[in-house]
Structure formats: C-alpha cells, structure tokens
C-alpha cells in the first residue's frame, strides 16, 4: 500500500488543527526537514473579501490583509532546510487539505524530505507540501498587513510539542517581517468551509 504524508511547517504541525480538517484523531507528527526550501511570511489574503474577515481587538479595525506562513524554494543558501513534521494521510485526506489550503498549491516534495530520525516503520512513498498560489504570493507584505496572534501561538505550541530544539529552529528561521504587527482578532464574517480553521 502506498503511504502518503503531508509536510507541515505551520499550523498543520498541530495535531488538533490537523484533526479539525481530517475529521479524525491525529497522532503527534514525525519531525522532518525539507531540503532546499525555506519558510517565510509570504502568503496573503484580502481580509475584506475572503471567506473569513477578522477585526482587530480592541477597537474593531478591519486590516486590509492578513499574512501567513508559506514554503518557498530557498534561492539564497544552498542546502538550507525548513524544519517541520510529517503527517500521514490518505488520498481523500489530501483532498480535504486542498480545501483547507485554498490559497496554496499542493506540490510533491518527496525527494526533498528527510526525517529527524530514521525508522523504516515511518517511511513514506510520497510526501506533499503546500506553497502559495501565484495570486497570493507576497515577497514583501502588502501595506496594512497583520499577523494573527492566535496563529503564531498555535504554530509555536506545535513546534514546542515536537521539542524545544524544533521551536528554537522555527524561531531562528522565521522571524515576522519588520513593521508587520502581531494582533489579537475576532471573527466578524464567516463563510468558512467545514474543517477549516476559524481562529486565523
């Protein structure tokens, strides 16, 4: 049987977040690295026109854009590897992840993935990751963009659960862009598909 996995590098590292989308309990994912890829705050959505709109708390201002984590080829330093985790999935569950990652394309990264520990029982035949669609890729944050604090907390807690070394590496390689605030928000407009996060 073909074993499939998704490489999580943000909120999918969190088993609870992944379980929300997959509709089943999710075991703690397997730490892994993706050679030749980097994680950046380089995907955006129009907060005023997307399936979910958030207001900043307190005050109620509507930021024009929200940015999130993206995985992109590392054009700068050869051999760099984004850290993350592998989540075992089925073909049907990959389709569910496609619905969750609506602003991302699914790409095959099997050749680039390496596990943090070698265990034949944990090998996968094909590994996929999600990278920003061209229309949502932002090499630089658009004016007025914010980062949702709940997203940062979820991602950092997920990496901490993998081990402090993984959280330290996440923080060392994924600093928020200068001038982009991390804010508390509340949901004010909701057309969110079932299984998609509602907190960011």
N, C-alpha and C. Protein backbone atom coordinates (compact mmCIF):
# COMPACT_ATOMS: atom_id res chain seq x y z
N UNK A 1 0.84 -1.19 0.00
CA UNK A 1 0.00 0.00 0.00
C UNK A 1 0.88 1.26 0.00
N UNK A 2 0.54 2.23 -0.82
CA UNK A 2 1.29 3.47 -0.89
C UNK A 2 1.04 4.31 0.35
N UNK A 3 2.11 4.70 1.02
CA UNK A 3 1.98 5.55 2.21
C UNK A 3 2.24 7.00 1.82
N UNK A 4 1.31 7.87 2.20
CA UNK A 4 1.37 9.28 1.85
C UNK A 4 1.53 10.13 3.10
N UNK A 5 2.17 11.28 2.94
CA UNK A 5 2.31 12.20 4.06
C UNK A 5 2.25 13.63 3.55
N UNK A 6 1.80 14.51 4.43
CA UNK A 6 1.87 15.95 4.19
C UNK A 6 2.96 16.52 5.08
N UNK A 7 3.78 17.39 4.52
CA UNK A 7 4.80 18.08 5.31
C UNK A 7 4.18 19.35 5.88
N UNK A 8 4.03 19.37 7.20
CA UNK A 8 3.51 20.55 7.88
C UNK A 8 4.65 21.43 8.33
N UNK A 9 4.52 22.73 8.10
CA UNK A 9 5.57 23.67 8.52
C UNK A 9 4.98 24.84 9.29
N UNK A 10 3.65 24.79 9.51
CA UNK A 10 2.95 25.83 10.26
C UNK A 10 1.89 25.18 11.13
N UNK A 11 0.63 25.56 10.89
CA UNK A 11 -0.44 25.08 11.76
C UNK A 11 -0.72 23.59 11.61
N UNK A 12 -0.33 22.98 10.50
CA UNK A 12 -0.54 21.53 10.35
C UNK A 12 0.38 20.71 11.24
N UNK A 13 1.37 21.33 11.85
CA UNK A 13 2.19 20.62 12.82
C UNK A 13 1.37 20.33 14.08
N UNK A 14 0.32 21.10 14.31
CA UNK A 14 -0.54 20.93 15.48
C UNK A 14 -1.54 19.80 15.23
N UNK A 15 -1.49 18.70 15.97
CA UNK A 15 -2.42 17.59 15.74
C UNK A 15 -3.88 17.99 15.86
N UNK A 16 -4.20 18.92 16.75
CA UNK A 16 -5.60 19.33 16.91
C UNK A 16 -6.10 20.10 15.69
N UNK A 17 -5.24 20.93 15.14
CA UNK A 17 -5.62 21.67 13.95
C UNK A 17 -5.79 20.74 12.76
N UNK A 18 -4.86 19.79 12.62
CA UNK A 18 -4.96 18.81 11.53
C UNK A 18 -6.20 17.95 11.69
N UNK A 19 -6.51 17.56 12.92
CA UNK A 19 -7.68 16.71 13.18
C UNK A 19 -8.98 17.42 12.80
N UNK A 20 -9.02 18.73 12.99
CA UNK A 20 -10.21 19.51 12.61
C UNK A 20 -10.51 19.34 11.12
N UNK A 21 -9.48 19.33 10.30
CA UNK A 21 -9.65 19.20 8.86
C UNK A 21 -9.88 17.76 8.44
N UNK A 22 -9.14 16.84 9.03
CA UNK A 22 -9.21 15.44 8.60
C UNK A 22 -10.40 14.71 9.19
N UNK A 23 -10.99 15.24 10.25
CA UNK A 23 -12.16 14.61 10.83
C UNK A 23 -11.86 13.34 11.59
N UNK A 24 -10.65 13.26 12.12
CA UNK A 24 -10.25 12.07 12.89
C UNK A 24 -9.12 12.48 13.84
N UNK A 25 -8.92 11.67 14.89
CA UNK A 25 -7.78 11.97 15.76
C UNK A 25 -6.47 11.85 14.98
N UNK A 26 -5.53 12.70 15.31
CA UNK A 26 -4.24 12.72 14.64
C UNK A 26 -3.15 12.50 15.67
N UNK A 27 -2.28 11.52 15.40
CA UNK A 27 -1.16 11.26 16.30
C UNK A 27 -0.13 12.37 16.16
N UNK A 28 0.69 12.56 17.17
CA UNK A 28 1.75 13.56 17.03
C UNK A 28 2.56 13.30 15.76
N UNK A 29 2.79 14.34 14.96
CA UNK A 29 3.50 14.14 13.69
C UNK A 29 4.99 13.85 13.91
N UNK A 30 5.62 13.38 12.86
CA UNK A 30 7.03 12.98 12.89
C UNK A 30 7.91 14.14 12.45
N UNK A 31 8.83 14.60 13.31
CA UNK A 31 9.71 15.70 12.91
C UNK A 31 10.45 15.39 11.61
N UNK A 32 10.59 16.41 10.78
CA UNK A 32 11.24 16.23 9.48
C UNK A 32 11.81 17.56 9.02
N UNK A 33 12.57 17.49 7.94
CA UNK A 33 13.14 18.69 7.33
C UNK A 33 12.92 18.62 5.83
N UNK A 34 12.89 19.79 5.19
CA UNK A 34 12.70 19.85 3.75
C UNK A 34 13.88 20.59 3.15
N UNK A 35 14.75 19.84 2.52
CA UNK A 35 15.99 20.40 1.98
C UNK A 35 15.71 21.35 0.81
N UNK A 36 16.40 22.49 0.83
CA UNK A 36 16.28 23.43 -0.28
C UNK A 36 15.02 24.29 -0.27
N UNK A 37 14.28 24.26 0.82
CA UNK A 37 13.08 25.09 0.97
C UNK A 37 13.21 25.95 2.21
N UNK A 38 12.56 27.11 2.18
CA UNK A 38 12.55 27.98 3.33
C UNK A 38 11.11 28.36 3.67
N UNK A 39 10.90 28.64 4.95
CA UNK A 39 9.58 29.08 5.42
C UNK A 39 9.63 30.59 5.61
N UNK A 40 8.65 31.28 5.03
CA UNK A 40 8.60 32.75 5.15
C UNK A 40 7.16 33.21 5.35
N UNK A 41 7.02 34.42 5.86
CA UNK A 41 5.71 35.06 5.96
C UNK A 41 5.41 35.70 4.60
N UNK A 42 5.03 34.89 3.64
CA UNK A 42 4.94 35.41 2.27
C UNK A 42 3.67 34.97 1.53
N UNK A 43 2.62 34.66 2.28
CA UNK A 43 1.32 34.43 1.64
C UNK A 43 0.33 35.41 2.27
N UNK A 44 -0.59 35.92 1.45
CA UNK A 44 -1.54 36.89 2.00
C UNK A 44 -2.94 36.58 1.52
N UNK A 45 -3.90 37.09 2.28
CA UNK A 45 -5.29 37.06 1.84
C UNK A 45 -5.91 38.42 2.09
N UNK A 46 -6.89 38.75 1.25
CA UNK A 46 -7.65 40.00 1.37
C UNK A 46 -8.64 39.82 2.51
N UNK A 47 -8.40 40.45 3.63
CA UNK A 47 -9.25 40.27 4.80
C UNK A 47 -10.66 40.79 4.59
N UNK A 48 -10.85 41.69 3.62
CA UNK A 48 -12.16 42.29 3.39
C UNK A 48 -12.99 41.51 2.38
N UNK A 49 -12.37 40.57 1.67
CA UNK A 49 -13.08 39.86 0.61
C UNK A 49 -12.98 38.34 0.71
N UNK A 50 -12.22 37.83 1.66
CA UNK A 50 -12.03 36.38 1.78
C UNK A 50 -13.23 35.74 2.47
N UNK A 51 -13.16 34.41 2.61
CA UNK A 51 -14.25 33.66 3.24
C UNK A 51 -14.36 33.93 4.74
N UNK A 52 -13.36 34.60 5.29
CA UNK A 52 -13.41 34.99 6.70
C UNK A 52 -12.76 36.36 6.85
N UNK A 53 -13.40 37.19 7.67
CA UNK A 53 -12.91 38.54 7.92
C UNK A 53 -12.72 38.70 9.42
N UNK A 54 -11.58 39.26 9.79
CA UNK A 54 -11.26 39.47 11.19
C UNK A 54 -11.12 40.95 11.50
N UNK A 55 -11.56 41.34 12.71
CA UNK A 55 -11.36 42.68 13.21
C UNK A 55 -10.32 42.64 14.32
N UNK A 56 -9.53 43.69 14.40
CA UNK A 56 -8.51 43.79 15.43
C UNK A 56 -9.17 44.10 16.77
N UNK A 57 -8.71 43.42 17.81
CA UNK A 57 -9.18 43.66 19.16
C UNK A 57 -8.07 44.31 19.99
N UNK A 58 -8.40 45.33 20.80
CA UNK A 58 -9.69 46.03 20.82
C UNK A 58 -9.74 47.06 19.70
N UNK A 59 -10.88 47.61 19.48
CA UNK A 59 -11.02 48.70 18.52
C UNK A 59 -11.87 48.36 17.33
N UNK A 60 -11.78 47.15 16.81
CA UNK A 60 -12.64 46.73 15.73
C UNK A 60 -12.19 47.12 14.34
N UNK A 61 -10.95 47.62 14.18
CA UNK A 61 -10.47 47.97 12.85
C UNK A 61 -10.36 46.71 11.99
N UNK A 62 -10.63 46.87 10.70
CA UNK A 62 -10.51 45.76 9.75
C UNK A 62 -9.21 45.92 8.97
N UNK A 63 -8.21 45.12 9.26
CA UNK A 63 -6.97 45.22 8.48
C UNK A 63 -7.21 44.78 7.05
N UNK A 64 -6.56 45.41 6.07
CA UNK A 64 -6.81 45.03 4.67
C UNK A 64 -6.28 43.65 4.31
N UNK A 65 -5.18 43.25 4.93
CA UNK A 65 -4.57 41.98 4.56
C UNK A 65 -4.09 41.23 5.80
N UNK A 66 -4.12 39.92 5.70
CA UNK A 66 -3.55 39.05 6.72
C UNK A 66 -2.51 38.17 6.03
N UNK A 67 -1.33 38.08 6.63
CA UNK A 67 -0.30 37.24 6.04
C UNK A 67 -0.09 35.99 6.89
N UNK A 68 0.40 34.94 6.22
CA UNK A 68 0.64 33.67 6.89
C UNK A 68 1.93 33.06 6.40
N UNK A 69 2.21 31.89 6.96
CA UNK A 69 3.45 31.20 6.61
C UNK A 69 3.33 30.51 5.26
N UNK A 70 4.42 30.54 4.54
CA UNK A 70 4.49 29.93 3.22
C UNK A 70 5.80 29.16 3.12
N UNK A 71 5.81 28.18 2.24
CA UNK A 71 7.01 27.40 1.95
C UNK A 71 7.43 27.74 0.53
N UNK A 72 8.67 28.17 0.36
CA UNK A 72 9.13 28.54 -0.96
C UNK A 72 10.56 28.04 -1.18
N UNK A 73 10.93 27.79 -2.44
CA UNK A 73 12.30 27.35 -2.71
C UNK A 73 13.30 28.35 -2.16
N UNK A 74 14.35 27.84 -1.56
CA UNK A 74 15.39 28.69 -0.99
C UNK A 74 16.32 29.13 -2.12
N UNK A 75 16.24 30.39 -2.47
CA UNK A 75 17.05 30.92 -3.56
C UNK A 75 18.39 31.47 -3.09
N UNK A 76 18.61 31.46 -1.76
CA UNK A 76 19.77 32.16 -1.22
C UNK A 76 20.88 31.21 -0.80
N UNK A 77 20.56 30.30 0.10
CA UNK A 77 21.61 29.44 0.67
C UNK A 77 21.35 28.00 0.32
N UNK A 78 22.17 27.43 -0.51
CA UNK A 78 22.02 26.04 -0.91
C UNK A 78 22.13 25.14 0.31
N UNK A 79 21.28 24.12 0.34
CA UNK A 79 21.32 23.16 1.44
C UNK A 79 20.51 23.54 2.64
N UNK A 80 19.91 24.73 2.65
CA UNK A 80 19.07 25.12 3.77
C UNK A 80 17.85 24.21 3.83
N UNK A 81 17.37 23.93 5.03
CA UNK A 81 16.23 23.02 5.18
C UNK A 81 15.22 23.60 6.14
N UNK A 82 13.97 23.68 5.71
CA UNK A 82 12.90 24.11 6.59
C UNK A 82 12.54 22.96 7.52
N UNK A 83 12.40 23.25 8.82
CA UNK A 83 12.00 22.20 9.73
C UNK A 83 10.48 22.17 9.84
N UNK A 84 9.96 20.99 10.15
CA UNK A 84 8.52 20.80 10.26
C UNK A 84 8.22 19.39 10.70
N UNK A 85 7.15 18.82 10.17
CA UNK A 85 6.75 17.48 10.58
C UNK A 85 5.94 16.81 9.48
N UNK A 86 5.97 15.49 9.49
CA UNK A 86 5.24 14.69 8.52
C UNK A 86 3.98 14.12 9.16
N UNK A 87 2.87 14.31 8.46
CA UNK A 87 1.56 13.85 8.91
C UNK A 87 1.06 12.82 7.91
N UNK A 88 0.84 11.58 8.36
CA UNK A 88 0.37 10.55 7.44
C UNK A 88 -1.08 10.82 7.04
N UNK A 89 -1.37 10.71 5.74
CA UNK A 89 -2.70 11.00 5.20
C UNK A 89 -3.05 10.00 4.11
N UNK A 90 -4.33 9.98 3.75
CA UNK A 90 -4.81 9.20 2.61
C UNK A 90 -5.03 10.13 1.43
N UNK A 91 -5.33 9.57 0.27
CA UNK A 91 -5.65 10.40 -0.91
C UNK A 91 -6.85 11.29 -0.62
N UNK A 92 -7.87 10.73 0.01
CA UNK A 92 -9.06 11.53 0.34
C UNK A 92 -8.72 12.65 1.30
N UNK A 93 -7.85 12.38 2.25
CA UNK A 93 -7.47 13.41 3.21
C UNK A 93 -6.63 14.50 2.54
N UNK A 94 -5.85 14.15 1.53
CA UNK A 94 -5.14 15.19 0.78
C UNK A 94 -6.13 16.13 0.11
N UNK A 95 -7.24 15.58 -0.38
CA UNK A 95 -8.27 16.43 -0.98
C UNK A 95 -8.85 17.38 0.07
N UNK A 96 -9.03 16.89 1.29
CA UNK A 96 -9.53 17.76 2.37
C UNK A 96 -8.52 18.86 2.68
N UNK A 97 -7.25 18.51 2.66
CA UNK A 97 -6.23 19.53 2.90
C UNK A 97 -6.21 20.56 1.79
N UNK A 98 -6.48 20.14 0.55
CA UNK A 98 -6.58 21.10 -0.56
C UNK A 98 -7.66 22.15 -0.27
N UNK A 99 -8.78 21.73 0.31
CA UNK A 99 -9.86 22.67 0.62
C UNK A 99 -9.45 23.62 1.74
N UNK A 100 -8.69 23.10 2.68
CA UNK A 100 -8.22 23.95 3.78
C UNK A 100 -7.21 24.96 3.26
N UNK A 101 -6.28 24.49 2.44
CA UNK A 101 -5.19 25.33 1.96
C UNK A 101 -5.57 25.97 0.63
N UNK A 102 -6.68 26.71 0.65
CA UNK A 102 -7.29 27.20 -0.58
C UNK A 102 -6.39 28.17 -1.34
N UNK A 103 -5.49 28.84 -0.65
CA UNK A 103 -4.59 29.79 -1.31
C UNK A 103 -3.21 29.20 -1.61
N UNK A 104 -3.13 27.88 -1.47
CA UNK A 104 -1.87 27.17 -1.71
C UNK A 104 -2.04 26.13 -2.80
N UNK A 105 -0.93 25.82 -3.48
CA UNK A 105 -0.87 24.68 -4.39
C UNK A 105 -0.18 23.51 -3.68
N UNK A 106 -0.67 22.31 -3.94
CA UNK A 106 -0.03 21.12 -3.40
C UNK A 106 1.10 20.70 -4.34
N UNK A 107 2.28 20.47 -3.77
CA UNK A 107 3.44 20.08 -4.58
C UNK A 107 4.07 18.82 -3.98
N UNK A 108 4.66 18.01 -4.84
CA UNK A 108 5.33 16.79 -4.42
C UNK A 108 6.76 17.14 -3.99
N UNK A 109 7.08 16.86 -2.72
CA UNK A 109 8.40 17.19 -2.20
C UNK A 109 9.11 15.93 -1.68
N UNK A 110 8.70 14.79 -2.21
CA UNK A 110 9.24 13.52 -1.72
C UNK A 110 10.77 13.51 -1.73
N UNK A 111 11.35 14.00 -2.81
CA UNK A 111 12.81 13.94 -2.96
C UNK A 111 13.54 14.86 -1.99
N UNK A 112 12.84 15.85 -1.43
CA UNK A 112 13.48 16.85 -0.59
C UNK A 112 13.33 16.59 0.90
N UNK A 113 12.44 15.67 1.28
CA UNK A 113 12.13 15.46 2.69
C UNK A 113 13.11 14.50 3.33
N UNK A 114 13.50 14.83 4.55
CA UNK A 114 14.33 13.94 5.36
C UNK A 114 13.80 13.93 6.77
N UNK A 115 13.77 12.75 7.38
CA UNK A 115 13.23 12.61 8.73
C UNK A 115 14.31 12.97 9.74
N UNK A 116 13.83 13.40 10.92
CA UNK A 116 14.77 13.68 12.00
C UNK A 116 15.29 12.39 12.62
N UNK A 117 14.54 11.32 12.48
CA UNK A 117 15.03 10.04 12.96
C UNK A 117 14.73 8.99 11.91
N UNK A 118 15.66 8.09 11.69
CA UNK A 118 15.49 7.06 10.67
C UNK A 118 14.78 5.86 11.28
N UNK A 119 13.62 5.55 10.75
CA UNK A 119 12.82 4.45 11.27
C UNK A 119 12.05 3.85 10.09
N UNK A 120 12.39 2.64 9.65
CA UNK A 120 11.72 2.04 8.49
C UNK A 120 10.21 1.99 8.64
N UNK A 121 9.74 1.91 9.88
CA UNK A 121 8.29 1.85 10.11
C UNK A 121 7.62 3.18 9.76
N UNK A 122 8.41 4.24 9.70
CA UNK A 122 7.85 5.58 9.49
C UNK A 122 8.18 6.13 8.11
N UNK A 123 8.53 5.29 7.15
CA UNK A 123 8.87 5.78 5.82
C UNK A 123 7.61 6.01 4.99
N UNK A 124 7.69 6.96 4.05
CA UNK A 124 6.55 7.30 3.21
C UNK A 124 6.96 7.21 1.75
N UNK A 125 6.02 6.81 0.90
CA UNK A 125 6.29 6.69 -0.53
C UNK A 125 6.23 8.03 -1.24
N UNK A 126 5.28 8.87 -0.83
CA UNK A 126 5.15 10.20 -1.44
C UNK A 126 4.83 11.21 -0.34
N UNK A 127 5.44 12.39 -0.47
CA UNK A 127 5.27 13.45 0.52
C UNK A 127 4.90 14.73 -0.22
N UNK A 128 3.91 15.43 0.31
CA UNK A 128 3.40 16.64 -0.33
C UNK A 128 3.50 17.82 0.65
N UNK A 129 3.64 19.00 0.10
CA UNK A 129 3.62 20.22 0.89
C UNK A 129 2.78 21.25 0.14
N UNK A 130 2.51 22.36 0.81
CA UNK A 130 1.65 23.40 0.24
C UNK A 130 2.44 24.71 0.15
N UNK A 131 2.41 25.29 -1.07
CA UNK A 131 3.13 26.53 -1.32
C UNK A 131 2.18 27.53 -1.98
N UNK A 132 2.39 28.80 -1.76
CA UNK A 132 1.43 29.82 -2.16
C UNK A 132 1.14 29.81 -3.66
N UNK A 133 -0.15 29.92 -3.99
CA UNK A 133 -0.54 30.16 -5.38
C UNK A 133 0.04 31.51 -5.81
N UNK A 134 0.37 31.66 -7.09
CA UNK A 134 0.97 32.92 -7.55
C UNK A 134 0.15 34.16 -7.17
N UNK A 135 -1.18 34.05 -7.22
CA UNK A 135 -2.01 35.21 -6.91
C UNK A 135 -2.05 35.58 -5.44
N UNK A 136 -1.48 34.75 -4.58
CA UNK A 136 -1.47 35.03 -3.14
C UNK A 136 -0.06 35.09 -2.58
N UNK A 137 0.92 35.06 -3.46
CA UNK A 137 2.31 35.13 -3.01
C UNK A 137 2.72 36.59 -2.86
N UNK A 138 3.30 36.92 -1.72
CA UNK A 138 3.72 38.28 -1.44
C UNK A 138 5.17 38.26 -0.97
N UNK A 139 6.14 38.48 -1.87
CA UNK A 139 7.54 38.52 -1.44
C UNK A 139 7.77 39.52 -0.32
N UNK A 140 7.02 40.63 -0.37
CA UNK A 140 7.02 41.62 0.70
C UNK A 140 5.58 41.80 1.17
N UNK A 141 5.36 41.98 2.48
CA UNK A 141 3.99 42.13 2.97
C UNK A 141 3.29 43.34 2.34
N UNK A 142 2.03 43.21 1.94
CA UNK A 142 1.31 44.36 1.41
C UNK A 142 1.05 45.39 2.50
N UNK A 143 0.85 46.65 2.12
CA UNK A 143 0.61 47.70 3.12
C UNK A 143 -0.59 47.37 4.00
N UNK A 144 -0.44 47.57 5.28
CA UNK A 144 -1.53 47.35 6.23
C UNK A 144 -1.68 45.91 6.68
N UNK A 145 -0.79 45.03 6.26
CA UNK A 145 -0.90 43.61 6.62
C UNK A 145 -0.64 43.39 8.11
N UNK A 146 -1.29 42.37 8.65
CA UNK A 146 -1.08 41.98 10.03
C UNK A 146 -0.90 40.45 10.09
N UNK A 147 -0.39 40.00 11.22
CA UNK A 147 -0.30 38.57 11.53
C UNK A 147 -1.22 38.30 12.71
N UNK A 148 -1.99 37.23 12.63
CA UNK A 148 -2.95 36.90 13.69
C UNK A 148 -2.22 36.20 14.84
N UNK A 149 -2.37 36.74 16.04
CA UNK A 149 -1.66 36.22 17.21
C UNK A 149 -2.02 34.77 17.50
N UNK A 150 -3.28 34.39 17.31
CA UNK A 150 -3.69 33.01 17.59
C UNK A 150 -2.96 32.02 16.68
N UNK A 151 -2.67 32.45 15.47
CA UNK A 151 -1.93 31.61 14.53
C UNK A 151 -0.50 31.39 15.04
N UNK A 152 0.14 32.46 15.48
CA UNK A 152 1.50 32.36 15.98
C UNK A 152 1.54 31.45 17.20
N UNK A 153 0.59 31.63 18.12
CA UNK A 153 0.56 30.81 19.33
C UNK A 153 0.38 29.33 18.99
N UNK A 154 -0.51 29.03 18.06
CA UNK A 154 -0.76 27.64 17.67
C UNK A 154 0.48 27.01 17.07
N UNK A 155 1.12 27.73 16.16
CA UNK A 155 2.30 27.18 15.49
C UNK A 155 3.44 26.98 16.48
N UNK A 156 3.70 27.97 17.32
CA UNK A 156 4.80 27.84 18.26
C UNK A 156 4.54 26.73 19.28
N UNK A 157 3.31 26.58 19.72
CA UNK A 157 2.99 25.49 20.66
C UNK A 157 3.19 24.13 20.00
N UNK A 158 2.85 24.04 18.70
CA UNK A 158 3.02 22.78 17.98
C UNK A 158 4.49 22.42 17.85
N UNK A 159 5.34 23.39 17.54
CA UNK A 159 6.77 23.11 17.44
C UNK A 159 7.35 22.81 18.82
N UNK A 160 6.87 23.47 19.86
CA UNK A 160 7.34 23.18 21.21
C UNK A 160 7.02 21.74 21.60
N UNK A 161 5.86 21.25 21.15
CA UNK A 161 5.47 19.87 21.46
C UNK A 161 6.40 18.86 20.78
N UNK A 162 6.99 19.25 19.65
CA UNK A 162 7.98 18.38 19.00
C UNK A 162 9.28 18.34 19.79
N UNK A 163 9.54 19.40 20.55
CA UNK A 163 10.78 19.50 21.33
C UNK A 163 11.33 20.91 21.22
N UNK A 164 11.97 21.37 22.29
CA UNK A 164 12.45 22.75 22.32
C UNK A 164 13.41 23.06 21.17
N UNK A 165 14.20 22.08 20.75
CA UNK A 165 15.14 22.31 19.65
C UNK A 165 14.39 22.68 18.37
N UNK A 166 13.21 22.08 18.17
CA UNK A 166 12.42 22.37 16.97
C UNK A 166 11.80 23.77 17.05
N UNK A 167 11.34 24.15 18.24
CA UNK A 167 10.81 25.50 18.41
C UNK A 167 11.92 26.54 18.23
N UNK A 168 13.09 26.26 18.79
CA UNK A 168 14.20 27.21 18.65
C UNK A 168 14.55 27.40 17.18
N UNK A 169 14.56 26.31 16.42
CA UNK A 169 14.89 26.42 15.00
C UNK A 169 13.80 27.18 14.24
N UNK A 170 12.54 26.91 14.59
CA UNK A 170 11.45 27.66 13.96
C UNK A 170 11.64 29.15 14.19
N UNK A 171 11.88 29.53 15.42
CA UNK A 171 12.01 30.95 15.74
C UNK A 171 13.23 31.58 15.07
N UNK A 172 14.31 30.81 15.00
CA UNK A 172 15.55 31.35 14.42
C UNK A 172 15.42 31.58 12.91
N UNK A 173 14.55 30.83 12.25
CA UNK A 173 14.47 30.90 10.79
C UNK A 173 13.20 31.60 10.29
N UNK A 174 12.32 32.03 11.20
CA UNK A 174 11.01 32.51 10.75
C UNK A 174 10.57 33.76 11.51
N UNK A 175 11.41 34.75 11.56
CA UNK A 175 11.04 35.99 12.24
C UNK A 175 9.96 36.72 11.45
N UNK A 176 8.96 37.30 12.12
CA UNK A 176 7.96 38.11 11.40
C UNK A 176 8.62 39.26 10.65
N UNK A 177 8.06 39.65 9.52
CA UNK A 177 8.64 40.77 8.76
C UNK A 177 8.62 42.06 9.59
N UNK A 178 9.66 42.88 9.47
CA UNK A 178 9.69 44.15 10.20
C UNK A 178 8.48 45.01 9.84
N UNK A 179 7.89 45.60 10.86
CA UNK A 179 6.78 46.52 10.63
C UNK A 179 5.43 45.87 10.50
N UNK A 180 5.35 44.55 10.57
CA UNK A 180 4.06 43.87 10.49
C UNK A 180 3.64 43.46 11.91
N UNK A 181 2.59 44.06 12.45
CA UNK A 181 2.21 43.75 13.84
C UNK A 181 1.54 42.40 13.98
N UNK A 182 1.73 41.79 15.14
CA UNK A 182 1.02 40.58 15.52
C UNK A 182 -0.14 41.02 16.42
N UNK A 183 -1.37 40.72 16.00
CA UNK A 183 -2.53 41.32 16.66
C UNK A 183 -3.53 40.25 17.11
N UNK A 184 -4.28 40.61 18.15
CA UNK A 184 -5.43 39.80 18.56
C UNK A 184 -6.61 40.18 17.68
N UNK A 185 -7.42 39.20 17.30
CA UNK A 185 -8.54 39.47 16.39
C UNK A 185 -9.79 38.73 16.85
N UNK A 186 -10.92 39.13 16.26
CA UNK A 186 -12.16 38.37 16.40
C UNK A 186 -12.79 38.23 15.03
N UNK A 187 -13.46 37.10 14.82
CA UNK A 187 -14.09 36.81 13.54
C UNK A 187 -15.38 37.62 13.41
N UNK A 188 -15.52 38.36 12.28
CA UNK A 188 -16.71 39.17 12.09
C UNK A 188 -17.49 38.80 10.83
N UNK A 189 -16.92 37.97 9.97
CA UNK A 189 -17.61 37.49 8.77
C UNK A 189 -17.17 36.07 8.52
N UNK A 190 -18.14 35.18 8.26
CA UNK A 190 -17.83 33.76 8.24
C UNK A 190 -18.55 33.05 7.10
N UNK A 191 -17.78 32.65 6.09
CA UNK A 191 -18.23 31.69 5.07
C UNK A 191 -17.20 30.57 4.98
N UNK A 192 -16.72 30.16 6.15
CA UNK A 192 -15.59 29.22 6.24
C UNK A 192 -16.07 27.80 5.98
N UNK A 193 -15.44 27.07 5.05
CA UNK A 193 -15.82 25.67 4.82
C UNK A 193 -15.58 24.83 6.06
N UNK A 194 -16.39 23.78 6.21
CA UNK A 194 -16.20 22.86 7.33
C UNK A 194 -14.78 22.31 7.33
N UNK A 195 -14.19 22.25 8.51
CA UNK A 195 -12.85 21.70 8.66
C UNK A 195 -11.74 22.70 8.51
N UNK A 196 -12.07 23.95 8.16
CA UNK A 196 -11.04 24.97 8.03
C UNK A 196 -10.94 25.79 9.31
N UNK A 197 -9.75 26.25 9.67
CA UNK A 197 -9.57 26.99 10.92
C UNK A 197 -10.44 28.26 10.97
N UNK A 198 -10.92 28.55 12.16
CA UNK A 198 -11.74 29.74 12.39
C UNK A 198 -11.04 30.78 13.27
N UNK A 199 -9.87 30.45 13.76
CA UNK A 199 -9.19 31.35 14.69
C UNK A 199 -8.16 32.24 14.02
N UNK A 200 -7.89 32.02 12.72
CA UNK A 200 -6.95 32.88 12.00
C UNK A 200 -7.27 32.90 10.52
